[in-house]
Amino acid sequence: MLKQRIITALCLIPLVLAGIFWAPTVYFAWGIVPIFAIAAKEWGRLIDKECNVTQWSFTLTVTSLLIIINVMFPADELWFKGQIHPMFLAIISIGVMWWLISTLLVMSFPKSAKVWNTSPMLKSMFGQLTLIPCFVSLIALKSLSSSVDPYFGGALVFIVMLVVWAADTGAYFAGRSLGKHKLMPSVSPAKTLEGLAGGLLTTMLIVAGVMYVSPEQELGLLIVVTLITALASAFGDLSESMFKRVAEIKDSGKILPGHGGILDRIDSLTAAFPVFTLIYIAMWM
């Protein structure tokens, strides 16, 4: 299993980096549509793992919405005089509100499941609120200042990913070596408070790296934004775990050997990107 994970990661990392840094913004926006379409198919299993009609209808609905977004709002025309298109800002804001609600659902689980566990409509809505704002946030960051510096937006996307990866890695090792107190055993029995603390602490390495490259940044603000983004990523992971637990599914899919499905790999990112993007727009634009 570990060997498979490493091989898969080594194959994916160059593709991810190429897409983030070297793909033109418009191509990037269209290139991630199939990725989110696969994630939508996997979310369809969380809605009803036995019904292919439900899974494919959800997939087609989400994919159609992503295509409409790309057609109506070209990625190279999203920013004007430092302001993002109002529709994108609205979608990102709705996404952040969803993650606040999702956090409450996670913290009150399993009681909260009584509200939505038998409702395909609610689970479909939750899936759209999880995937579409993340898609929009990715494009918004990638397209930022693309006409002036083609690497700036990609660097922001990469930094968010580094924060999430650092939080995940730190949480894994801290949890294994120090973990004693369960974080939310009803949602994810393996996660611990020590792991969460270790993950948050590890993200300070990213802060140090950003300050080294761009020392004019305000350290206190950077620390706060990094910690909020890392916390959001943790609840993104917990949220998917909650839905998988109710659906009685271990992995969202099998497309990535050793890693499970696309949704298993981007669950933390689905929360981190909208939260970071909205903060960036509010604090730095």
Protein backbone atom coordinates (compact mmCIF):
# COMPACT_ATOMS: atom_id res chain seq x y z
CA MET A 1 0.00 0.00 0.00
CA LEU A 2 2.78 2.48 0.93
CA LYS A 3 4.66 1.64 -2.27
CA GLN A 4 1.51 2.28 -4.32
CA ARG A 5 0.95 5.61 -2.56
CA ILE A 6 4.49 6.75 -3.28
CA ILE A 7 4.38 5.71 -6.94
CA THR A 8 1.03 7.40 -7.47
CA ALA A 9 2.25 10.58 -5.77
CA LEU A 10 5.43 10.67 -7.86
CA CYS A 11 3.34 10.39 -11.02
CA LEU A 12 0.81 13.03 -9.99
CA ILE A 13 3.10 15.71 -8.53
CA PRO A 14 4.72 16.71 -11.88
CA LEU A 15 1.28 16.92 -13.51
CA VAL A 16 -0.08 19.04 -10.66
CA LEU A 17 2.90 21.41 -10.74
CA ALA A 18 2.73 21.73 -14.53
CA GLY A 19 -0.96 22.57 -14.35
CA ILE A 20 -0.52 25.10 -11.57
CA PHE A 21 2.50 26.97 -12.91
CA TRP A 22 2.72 26.49 -16.66
CA ALA A 23 -0.78 25.88 -17.98
CA PRO A 24 -2.45 29.09 -19.23
CA THR A 25 -5.32 30.11 -16.97
CA VAL A 26 -8.08 29.27 -19.47
CA TYR A 27 -6.59 25.82 -20.16
CA PHE A 28 -6.24 25.27 -16.41
CA ALA A 29 -9.91 26.13 -15.87
CA TRP A 30 -11.01 23.59 -18.47
CA GLY A 31 -8.40 21.03 -17.46
CA ILE A 32 -9.74 20.68 -13.91
CA VAL A 33 -13.33 20.10 -15.08
CA PRO A 34 -12.77 16.32 -15.60
CA ILE A 35 -11.13 16.09 -12.16
CA PHE A 36 -14.14 17.65 -10.49
CA ALA A 37 -16.46 15.53 -12.63
CA ILE A 38 -14.81 12.39 -11.22
CA ALA A 39 -15.09 13.83 -7.71
CA ALA A 40 -18.79 14.48 -8.40
CA LYS A 41 -19.27 10.86 -9.45
CA GLU A 42 -17.65 9.78 -6.20
CA TRP A 43 -19.89 12.13 -4.22
CA GLY A 44 -22.81 10.49 -5.96
CA ARG A 45 -21.90 7.29 -4.09
CA LEU A 46 -22.22 9.22 -0.83
CA ILE A 47 -25.75 10.18 -1.87
CA ASP A 48 -26.73 6.61 -2.75
CA LYS A 49 -24.04 3.99 -3.27
CA GLU A 50 -26.52 1.54 -4.78
CA CYS A 51 -28.17 3.80 -7.35
CA ASN A 52 -26.22 4.49 -10.55
CA VAL A 53 -28.94 6.82 -11.81
CA THR A 54 -28.51 9.08 -8.78
CA GLN A 55 -24.73 9.03 -9.11
CA TRP A 56 -24.70 9.88 -12.81
CA SER A 57 -27.42 12.51 -12.57
CA PHE A 58 -25.45 14.27 -9.85
CA THR A 59 -22.28 13.99 -11.93
CA LEU A 60 -23.95 15.46 -14.99
CA THR A 61 -25.52 18.26 -12.97
CA VAL A 62 -22.23 19.34 -11.39
CA THR A 63 -20.25 18.96 -14.62
CA SER A 64 -22.83 21.01 -16.52
CA LEU A 65 -22.60 23.78 -13.92
CA LEU A 66 -18.80 23.83 -14.17
CA ILE A 67 -18.96 24.06 -17.96
CA ILE A 68 -21.51 26.88 -17.73
CA ILE A 69 -19.23 28.75 -15.31
CA ASN A 70 -16.27 28.44 -17.70
CA VAL A 71 -18.32 29.54 -20.71
CA MET A 72 -20.04 32.50 -19.03
CA PHE A 73 -17.04 33.68 -17.00
CA PRO A 74 -13.79 33.14 -18.96
CA ALA A 75 -10.88 32.62 -16.59
CA ASP A 76 -8.79 35.38 -18.17
CA GLU A 77 -11.53 37.98 -17.63
CA LEU A 78 -12.36 37.44 -13.95
CA TRP A 79 -10.34 40.29 -12.47
CA PHE A 80 -10.77 43.98 -13.30
CA LYS A 81 -8.86 46.69 -11.45
CA GLY A 82 -8.19 44.39 -8.53
CA GLN A 83 -11.83 43.33 -8.22
CA ILE A 84 -13.07 39.82 -8.91
CA HIS A 85 -16.27 39.18 -10.85
CA PRO A 86 -19.26 39.55 -8.47
CA MET A 87 -20.62 36.10 -9.38
CA PHE A 88 -17.34 34.43 -8.43
CA LEU A 89 -17.23 36.39 -5.18
CA ALA A 90 -20.79 35.31 -4.40
CA ILE A 91 -20.03 31.62 -5.07
CA ILE A 92 -16.88 31.75 -2.93
CA SER A 93 -18.76 33.49 -0.10
CA ILE A 94 -21.54 30.89 -0.24
CA GLY A 95 -18.86 28.21 -0.10
CA VAL A 96 -17.37 29.68 3.07
CA MET A 97 -20.82 29.88 4.64
CA TRP A 98 -21.33 26.22 3.76
CA TRP A 99 -18.11 25.27 5.54
CA LEU A 100 -19.25 27.09 8.66
CA ILE A 101 -22.48 25.07 8.54
CA SER A 102 -20.57 21.87 7.74
CA THR A 103 -18.35 22.45 10.77
CA LEU A 104 -21.46 22.60 12.95
CA LEU A 105 -22.76 19.40 11.35
CA VAL A 106 -19.45 17.65 12.04
CA MET A 107 -19.25 18.87 15.64
CA SER A 108 -22.82 17.74 16.37
CA PHE A 109 -22.52 14.39 14.55
CA PRO A 110 -24.19 11.86 14.79
CA LYS A 111 -27.21 13.90 15.92
CA SER A 112 -26.91 16.17 12.90
CA ALA A 113 -27.15 13.19 10.56
CA LYS A 114 -30.81 12.78 11.48
CA VAL A 115 -31.50 15.94 9.47
CA TRP A 116 -29.86 14.86 6.20
CA ASN A 117 -28.98 11.14 6.16
CA THR A 118 -32.24 10.10 4.47
CA SER A 119 -32.44 13.11 2.13
CA PRO A 120 -30.77 12.67 -1.29
CA MET A 121 -31.70 16.29 -2.06
CA LEU A 122 -29.76 17.65 0.92
CA LYS A 123 -26.76 15.42 0.26
CA SER A 124 -26.78 16.53 -3.38
CA MET A 125 -26.87 20.16 -2.29
CA PHE A 126 -24.03 19.55 0.16
CA GLY A 127 -22.00 18.01 -2.66
CA GLN A 128 -22.52 21.01 -4.92
CA LEU A 129 -21.60 23.38 -2.08
CA THR A 130 -18.44 21.35 -1.50
CA LEU A 131 -17.22 21.06 -5.08
CA ILE A 132 -18.33 24.17 -6.98
CA PRO A 133 -16.90 26.87 -4.64
CA CYS A 134 -13.59 24.96 -4.57
CA PHE A 135 -13.55 24.89 -8.39
CA VAL A 136 -14.31 28.62 -8.56
CA SER A 137 -11.71 29.46 -5.90
CA LEU A 138 -9.01 27.54 -7.75
CA ILE A 139 -9.68 29.46 -10.94
CA ALA A 140 -9.90 32.78 -9.10
CA LEU A 141 -6.50 32.31 -7.48
CA LYS A 142 -4.85 30.91 -10.60
CA SER A 143 -6.08 33.82 -12.72
CA LEU A 144 -4.99 36.53 -10.26
CA SER A 145 -2.52 38.93 -11.94
CA SER A 146 -1.99 36.41 -14.73
CA SER A 147 -1.56 39.18 -17.32
CA VAL A 148 1.25 40.76 -15.28
CA ASP A 149 2.93 37.75 -13.70
CA PRO A 150 1.85 34.33 -15.06
CA TYR A 151 3.32 32.56 -12.03
CA PHE A 152 1.77 34.67 -9.24
CA GLY A 153 -1.63 32.98 -9.19
CA GLY A 154 -0.04 29.55 -9.49
CA ALA A 155 2.17 30.37 -6.52
CA LEU A 156 -0.89 31.20 -4.41
CA VAL A 157 -2.56 27.91 -5.39
CA PHE A 158 0.64 26.06 -4.54
CA ILE A 159 0.95 27.78 -1.15
CA VAL A 160 -2.57 26.70 -0.18
CA MET A 161 -1.72 23.15 -1.20
CA LEU A 162 1.51 23.28 0.82
CA VAL A 163 -0.39 24.45 3.89
CA VAL A 164 -2.86 21.57 3.54
CA TRP A 165 -0.13 19.00 2.89
CA ALA A 166 1.92 20.30 5.84
CA ALA A 167 -1.14 20.13 8.10
CA ASP A 168 -1.96 16.59 6.96
CA THR A 169 1.63 15.38 7.31
CA GLY A 170 2.17 17.00 10.68
CA ALA A 171 -1.14 15.64 11.96
CA TYR A 172 -0.26 12.12 10.79
CA PHE A 173 3.12 11.93 12.50
CA ALA A 174 2.09 13.83 15.64
CA GLY A 175 -1.01 11.67 15.94
CA ARG A 176 0.95 8.45 15.58
CA SER A 177 3.64 9.40 18.08
CA LEU A 178 1.75 11.56 20.59
CA GLY A 179 -1.94 11.00 19.97
CA LYS A 180 -3.94 10.15 23.10
CA HIS A 181 -7.04 12.33 23.06
CA LYS A 182 -9.57 11.65 20.31
CA LEU A 183 -10.59 14.66 18.25
CA MET A 184 -14.01 13.50 17.04
CA PRO A 185 -14.23 9.72 17.50
CA SER A 186 -17.77 9.51 16.13
CA VAL A 187 -16.58 10.99 12.83
CA SER A 188 -13.00 9.78 12.46
CA PRO A 189 -11.72 7.54 15.28
CA ALA A 190 -8.06 7.79 14.23
CA LYS A 191 -7.74 11.57 14.50
CA THR A 192 -6.50 13.11 17.74
CA LEU A 193 -6.18 16.55 19.30
CA GLU A 194 -2.42 16.05 19.41
CA GLY A 195 -2.45 15.31 15.69
CA LEU A 196 -4.42 18.48 14.97
CA ALA A 197 -2.00 20.54 17.06
CA GLY A 198 0.97 18.94 15.34
CA GLY A 199 -0.51 19.69 11.94
CA LEU A 200 -1.12 23.32 12.80
CA LEU A 201 2.41 23.64 14.14
CA THR A 202 3.87 22.12 10.98
CA THR A 203 2.16 24.76 8.85
CA MET A 204 4.43 27.34 10.46
CA LEU A 205 7.15 25.98 8.18
CA ILE A 206 5.15 27.34 5.27
CA VAL A 207 4.86 30.70 7.05
CA ALA A 208 8.64 30.74 7.50
CA GLY A 209 9.13 29.95 3.82
CA VAL A 210 6.77 32.70 2.69
CA MET A 211 8.44 35.23 5.00
CA TYR A 212 11.85 34.25 3.61
CA VAL A 213 10.73 34.75 0.02
CA SER A 214 8.52 37.77 0.71
CA PRO A 215 9.73 39.44 3.94
CA GLU A 216 7.46 42.48 3.46
CA GLN A 217 4.44 40.39 4.51
CA GLU A 218 2.86 41.06 7.91
CA LEU A 219 3.91 38.08 10.03
CA GLY A 220 0.95 38.10 12.42
CA LEU A 221 -1.61 38.24 9.61
CA LEU A 222 0.18 35.50 7.71
CA ILE A 223 0.17 33.21 10.76
CA VAL A 224 -3.55 33.78 11.39
CA VAL A 225 -4.52 33.18 7.74
CA THR A 226 -2.38 30.04 7.61
CA LEU A 227 -3.92 28.62 10.79
CA ILE A 228 -7.46 29.38 9.63
CA THR A 229 -6.77 27.73 6.27
CA ALA A 230 -5.27 24.69 7.99
CA LEU A 231 -8.24 24.41 10.35
CA ALA A 232 -10.62 24.67 7.40
CA SER A 233 -8.73 21.85 5.66
CA ALA A 234 -9.06 19.68 8.77
CA PHE A 235 -12.82 20.15 8.82
CA GLY A 236 -12.98 19.51 5.09
CA ASP A 237 -11.43 16.13 5.77
CA LEU A 238 -13.74 15.48 8.71
CA SER A 239 -16.78 16.48 6.67
CA GLU A 240 -16.07 13.89 3.98
CA SER A 241 -15.36 11.32 6.69
CA MET A 242 -18.77 12.08 8.19
CA PHE A 243 -20.58 11.56 4.88
CA LYS A 244 -18.58 8.39 4.14
CA ARG A 245 -19.37 7.00 7.59
CA VAL A 246 -23.11 7.45 7.05
CA ALA A 247 -22.84 5.96 3.54
CA GLU A 248 -20.73 3.09 4.96
CA ILE A 249 -17.97 3.71 2.40
CA LYS A 250 -14.28 3.48 3.26
CA ASP A 251 -12.83 5.17 0.16
CA SER A 252 -14.69 7.47 -2.20
CA GLY A 253 -13.20 5.64 -5.19
CA LYS A 254 -10.35 3.54 -6.51
CA ILE A 255 -8.98 5.68 -9.32
CA LEU A 256 -5.74 6.53 -7.47
CA PRO A 257 -3.86 3.36 -6.41
CA GLY A 258 -3.00 3.54 -2.73
CA HIS A 259 -4.90 6.79 -2.27
CA GLY A 260 -8.51 5.90 -2.97
CA GLY A 261 -10.57 8.35 -4.98
CA ILE A 262 -10.20 11.93 -6.16
CA LEU A 263 -12.52 13.07 -3.40
CA ASP A 264 -10.30 11.41 -0.81
CA ARG A 265 -7.36 13.48 -2.08
CA ILE A 266 -9.10 16.84 -2.37
CA ASP A 267 -11.44 16.73 0.65
CA SER A 268 -9.20 19.04 2.68
CA LEU A 269 -8.66 21.32 -0.32
CA THR A 270 -12.39 21.74 -0.92
CA ALA A 271 -12.61 23.73 2.32
CA ALA A 272 -9.16 25.33 2.31
CA PHE A 273 -9.44 27.02 -1.09
CA PRO A 274 -12.70 28.95 -0.61
CA VAL A 275 -11.67 30.05 2.89
CA PHE A 276 -8.21 31.19 1.82
CA THR A 277 -9.50 32.89 -1.33
CA LEU A 278 -12.14 34.91 0.51
CA ILE A 279 -9.61 35.99 3.15
CA TYR A 280 -7.11 36.93 0.44
CA ILE A 281 -9.70 39.03 -1.39
CA ALA A 282 -10.71 40.74 1.86
CA MET A 283 -7.22 41.34 3.27
CA TRP A 284 -4.85 41.72 0.33
CA MET A 285 -6.90 43.02 -2.61
